Amino acid sequence: MVLGFLYCNVIRKRAGEACELLLYEIGVRSAHRRKNVGRALLDAMYAWMRDHQIGESWVLADNPGAVAFYRACGFAIEEEVPTYMVAEAT
């Protein structure tokens, strides 16, 4: 049985470090939450990053629970937060 998943994208950059990792989505079955499954997934992500010489990851958190989880797993809010913008194709 799958307990959870992690979906990331490698972002190739033109300046600074060659790549960074976008943590796009993480999910854990409700019956298995608060049992370190999410933390284990992020630990695996960090190990993959080390193996691929990627030094930084980032995530967009959209609720207080997610923010608390990501902070507990090593993420921090930067001083200058960029503005999130969207555009629709016309």
N, C-alpha and C. Protein backbone atom coordinates (compact mmCIF):
# COMPACT_ATOMS: atom_id res chain seq x y z
N MET A 1 0.84 -1.18 0.00
CA MET A 1 0.00 0.00 0.00
C MET A 1 0.89 1.24 0.00
N VAL A 2 0.54 2.20 -0.81
CA VAL A 2 1.24 3.48 -0.84
C VAL A 2 0.70 4.35 0.30
N LEU A 3 1.60 4.86 1.14
CA LEU A 3 1.19 5.71 2.26
C LEU A 3 1.21 7.18 1.92
N GLY A 4 2.06 7.56 0.96
CA GLY A 4 2.18 8.96 0.61
C GLY A 4 2.97 9.12 -0.67
N PHE A 5 3.07 10.36 -1.11
CA PHE A 5 3.80 10.66 -2.33
C PHE A 5 4.43 12.03 -2.22
N LEU A 6 5.39 12.25 -3.09
CA LEU A 6 6.10 13.52 -3.17
C LEU A 6 6.29 13.82 -4.64
N TYR A 7 5.93 15.01 -5.08
CA TYR A 7 6.08 15.40 -6.47
C TYR A 7 6.92 16.66 -6.53
N CYS A 8 8.08 16.57 -7.18
CA CYS A 8 9.01 17.69 -7.28
C CYS A 8 9.39 17.93 -8.73
N ASN A 9 9.85 19.13 -9.01
CA ASN A 9 10.38 19.49 -10.32
C ASN A 9 11.75 20.11 -10.14
N VAL A 10 12.70 19.68 -10.97
CA VAL A 10 14.01 20.31 -10.99
C VAL A 10 13.90 21.55 -11.86
N ILE A 11 14.30 22.68 -11.31
CA ILE A 11 14.27 23.95 -12.02
C ILE A 11 15.71 24.28 -12.42
N ARG A 12 15.98 24.30 -13.71
CA ARG A 12 17.31 24.66 -14.19
C ARG A 12 17.40 26.18 -14.28
N LYS A 13 18.48 26.73 -13.76
CA LYS A 13 18.63 28.18 -13.69
C LYS A 13 19.75 28.65 -14.61
N ARG A 14 19.67 29.89 -15.00
CA ARG A 14 20.70 30.46 -15.86
C ARG A 14 21.76 31.22 -15.08
N ALA A 15 21.47 31.53 -13.82
CA ALA A 15 22.44 32.26 -12.99
C ALA A 15 22.47 31.62 -11.60
N GLY A 16 23.57 31.82 -10.89
CA GLY A 16 23.69 31.23 -9.56
C GLY A 16 23.89 29.73 -9.67
N GLU A 17 23.35 29.00 -8.69
CA GLU A 17 23.44 27.55 -8.75
C GLU A 17 22.72 27.04 -10.00
N ALA A 18 23.21 25.93 -10.53
CA ALA A 18 22.67 25.41 -11.80
C ALA A 18 21.20 25.00 -11.69
N CYS A 19 20.82 24.45 -10.53
CA CYS A 19 19.46 23.94 -10.36
C CYS A 19 18.95 24.20 -8.95
N GLU A 20 17.64 24.18 -8.83
CA GLU A 20 16.98 24.15 -7.53
C GLU A 20 15.80 23.21 -7.67
N LEU A 21 15.21 22.84 -6.56
CA LEU A 21 14.11 21.89 -6.59
C LEU A 21 12.84 22.55 -6.09
N LEU A 22 11.78 22.43 -6.87
CA LEU A 22 10.46 22.90 -6.47
C LEU A 22 9.70 21.70 -5.91
N LEU A 23 9.35 21.77 -4.64
CA LEU A 23 8.47 20.76 -4.04
C LEU A 23 7.06 21.19 -4.40
N TYR A 24 6.49 20.51 -5.38
CA TYR A 24 5.20 20.93 -5.91
C TYR A 24 4.04 20.40 -5.08
N GLU A 25 4.17 19.15 -4.61
CA GLU A 25 3.05 18.56 -3.89
C GLU A 25 3.55 17.40 -3.02
N ILE A 26 2.97 17.27 -1.86
CA ILE A 26 3.23 16.14 -0.98
C ILE A 26 1.88 15.71 -0.41
N GLY A 27 1.70 14.41 -0.27
CA GLY A 27 0.45 13.91 0.28
C GLY A 27 0.70 12.65 1.09
N VAL A 28 -0.05 12.51 2.16
CA VAL A 28 0.02 11.32 3.02
C VAL A 28 -1.42 10.89 3.30
N ARG A 29 -1.67 9.58 3.18
CA ARG A 29 -3.02 9.08 3.49
C ARG A 29 -3.41 9.53 4.90
N SER A 30 -4.66 9.93 5.05
CA SER A 30 -5.10 10.52 6.32
C SER A 30 -4.86 9.58 7.51
N ALA A 31 -5.00 8.29 7.34
CA ALA A 31 -4.79 7.35 8.45
C ALA A 31 -3.33 7.26 8.87
N HIS A 32 -2.42 7.79 8.04
CA HIS A 32 -0.99 7.68 8.33
C HIS A 32 -0.33 9.03 8.61
N ARG A 33 -1.13 10.07 8.71
CA ARG A 33 -0.58 11.39 9.03
C ARG A 33 -0.13 11.43 10.49
N ARG A 34 0.83 12.29 10.76
CA ARG A 34 1.41 12.46 12.10
C ARG A 34 2.13 11.20 12.59
N LYS A 35 2.63 10.43 11.61
CA LYS A 35 3.40 9.22 11.92
C LYS A 35 4.75 9.26 11.22
N ASN A 36 5.21 10.46 10.89
CA ASN A 36 6.52 10.70 10.27
C ASN A 36 6.63 10.24 8.83
N VAL A 37 5.53 9.96 8.16
CA VAL A 37 5.58 9.58 6.74
C VAL A 37 6.01 10.77 5.90
N GLY A 38 5.41 11.93 6.15
CA GLY A 38 5.78 13.14 5.41
C GLY A 38 7.23 13.51 5.64
N ARG A 39 7.68 13.41 6.86
CA ARG A 39 9.08 13.72 7.17
C ARG A 39 10.02 12.73 6.46
N ALA A 40 9.64 11.46 6.40
CA ALA A 40 10.45 10.46 5.70
C ALA A 40 10.52 10.78 4.21
N LEU A 41 9.40 11.23 3.65
CA LEU A 41 9.40 11.62 2.24
C LEU A 41 10.36 12.79 2.00
N LEU A 42 10.31 13.79 2.90
CA LEU A 42 11.21 14.93 2.74
C LEU A 42 12.67 14.53 2.98
N ASP A 43 12.92 13.62 3.90
CA ASP A 43 14.28 13.12 4.10
C ASP A 43 14.80 12.46 2.83
N ALA A 44 13.94 11.70 2.16
CA ALA A 44 14.33 11.08 0.88
C ALA A 44 14.58 12.15 -0.17
N MET A 45 13.78 13.22 -0.18
CA MET A 45 13.99 14.31 -1.11
C MET A 45 15.34 14.98 -0.86
N TYR A 46 15.67 15.24 0.42
CA TYR A 46 16.96 15.85 0.75
C TYR A 46 18.12 14.95 0.34
N ALA A 47 17.98 13.64 0.52
CA ALA A 47 19.04 12.71 0.11
C ALA A 47 19.21 12.75 -1.41
N TRP A 48 18.11 12.79 -2.14
CA TRP A 48 18.17 12.88 -3.60
C TRP A 48 18.86 14.18 -4.02
N MET A 49 18.53 15.27 -3.32
CA MET A 49 19.16 16.56 -3.64
C MET A 49 20.67 16.48 -3.43
N ARG A 50 21.11 15.89 -2.33
CA ARG A 50 22.55 15.74 -2.09
C ARG A 50 23.20 14.92 -3.19
N ASP A 51 22.56 13.81 -3.57
CA ASP A 51 23.11 12.95 -4.61
C ASP A 51 23.23 13.66 -5.95
N HIS A 52 22.39 14.65 -6.20
CA HIS A 52 22.37 15.37 -7.47
C HIS A 52 22.93 16.79 -7.36
N GLN A 53 23.61 17.07 -6.26
CA GLN A 53 24.25 18.37 -6.02
C GLN A 53 23.28 19.54 -6.20
N ILE A 54 22.08 19.39 -5.67
CA ILE A 54 21.10 20.48 -5.67
C ILE A 54 21.03 21.00 -4.24
N GLY A 55 21.36 22.27 -4.07
CA GLY A 55 21.50 22.82 -2.73
C GLY A 55 20.26 23.46 -2.14
N GLU A 56 19.25 23.75 -2.97
CA GLU A 56 18.11 24.50 -2.44
C GLU A 56 16.81 23.95 -2.99
N SER A 57 15.80 23.91 -2.11
CA SER A 57 14.45 23.56 -2.54
C SER A 57 13.50 24.62 -2.02
N TRP A 58 12.35 24.72 -2.64
CA TRP A 58 11.35 25.68 -2.19
C TRP A 58 9.96 25.11 -2.42
N VAL A 59 9.01 25.66 -1.69
CA VAL A 59 7.63 25.20 -1.74
C VAL A 59 6.72 26.39 -1.49
N LEU A 60 5.55 26.36 -2.08
CA LEU A 60 4.51 27.35 -1.79
C LEU A 60 3.53 26.70 -0.81
N ALA A 61 3.44 27.22 0.38
CA ALA A 61 2.53 26.67 1.39
C ALA A 61 1.29 27.54 1.46
N ASP A 62 0.11 26.91 1.44
CA ASP A 62 -1.12 27.68 1.35
C ASP A 62 -2.01 27.63 2.58
N ASN A 63 -1.49 27.06 3.68
CA ASN A 63 -2.30 27.05 4.90
C ASN A 63 -1.37 26.93 6.11
N PRO A 64 -1.83 27.35 7.29
CA PRO A 64 -0.97 27.35 8.48
C PRO A 64 -0.42 25.97 8.84
N GLY A 65 -1.21 24.91 8.64
CA GLY A 65 -0.73 23.57 8.93
C GLY A 65 0.44 23.18 8.04
N ALA A 66 0.34 23.52 6.77
CA ALA A 66 1.44 23.23 5.83
C ALA A 66 2.68 24.03 6.21
N VAL A 67 2.50 25.30 6.55
CA VAL A 67 3.64 26.14 6.94
C VAL A 67 4.33 25.53 8.16
N ALA A 68 3.57 25.11 9.15
CA ALA A 68 4.16 24.51 10.35
C ALA A 68 4.91 23.23 10.02
N PHE A 69 4.34 22.39 9.16
CA PHE A 69 5.00 21.15 8.76
C PHE A 69 6.31 21.43 8.05
N TYR A 70 6.28 22.34 7.07
CA TYR A 70 7.50 22.63 6.32
C TYR A 70 8.58 23.25 7.22
N ARG A 71 8.18 24.12 8.12
CA ARG A 71 9.16 24.70 9.06
C ARG A 71 9.80 23.61 9.92
N ALA A 72 8.99 22.67 10.39
CA ALA A 72 9.51 21.57 11.21
C ALA A 72 10.47 20.68 10.43
N CYS A 73 10.37 20.72 9.10
CA CYS A 73 11.21 19.89 8.24
C CYS A 73 12.35 20.66 7.62
N GLY A 74 12.63 21.87 8.10
CA GLY A 74 13.81 22.60 7.65
C GLY A 74 13.58 23.76 6.72
N PHE A 75 12.37 24.01 6.29
CA PHE A 75 12.11 25.16 5.44
C PHE A 75 12.00 26.42 6.29
N ALA A 76 12.32 27.55 5.69
CA ALA A 76 12.23 28.84 6.39
C ALA A 76 11.62 29.87 5.45
N ILE A 77 10.96 30.83 6.02
CA ILE A 77 10.39 31.93 5.23
C ILE A 77 11.48 32.96 5.02
N GLU A 78 11.70 33.35 3.77
CA GLU A 78 12.72 34.34 3.46
C GLU A 78 12.22 35.74 3.81
N GLU A 79 13.17 36.62 4.03
CA GLU A 79 12.83 38.01 4.36
C GLU A 79 12.01 38.65 3.25
N GLU A 80 12.49 38.56 2.03
CA GLU A 80 11.78 39.15 0.90
C GLU A 80 10.98 38.05 0.22
N VAL A 81 9.67 38.12 0.37
CA VAL A 81 8.80 37.12 -0.24
C VAL A 81 8.33 37.67 -1.59
N PRO A 82 8.54 36.89 -2.67
CA PRO A 82 8.09 37.38 -3.98
C PRO A 82 6.58 37.40 -4.07
N THR A 83 6.06 38.17 -4.99
CA THR A 83 4.63 38.24 -5.24
C THR A 83 4.23 37.10 -6.15
N TYR A 84 3.23 36.34 -5.76
CA TYR A 84 2.71 35.23 -6.56
C TYR A 84 1.74 35.80 -7.58
N MET A 85 2.00 35.54 -8.86
CA MET A 85 1.16 36.08 -9.93
C MET A 85 0.78 34.96 -10.88
N VAL A 86 -0.37 35.06 -11.51
CA VAL A 86 -0.81 34.10 -12.50
C VAL A 86 -1.30 34.84 -13.74
N ALA A 87 -1.28 34.17 -14.86
CA ALA A 87 -1.83 34.71 -16.10
C ALA A 87 -2.54 33.60 -16.84
N GLU A 88 -3.62 33.94 -17.48
CA GLU A 88 -4.36 32.97 -18.27
C GLU A 88 -4.08 33.21 -19.74
N ALA A 89 -3.98 32.12 -20.48
CA ALA A 89 -3.79 32.25 -21.92
C ALA A 89 -5.06 32.82 -22.53
N THR A 90 -4.89 33.75 -23.43
CA THR A 90 -6.09 34.35 -24.06
C THR A 90 -6.22 33.94 -25.48
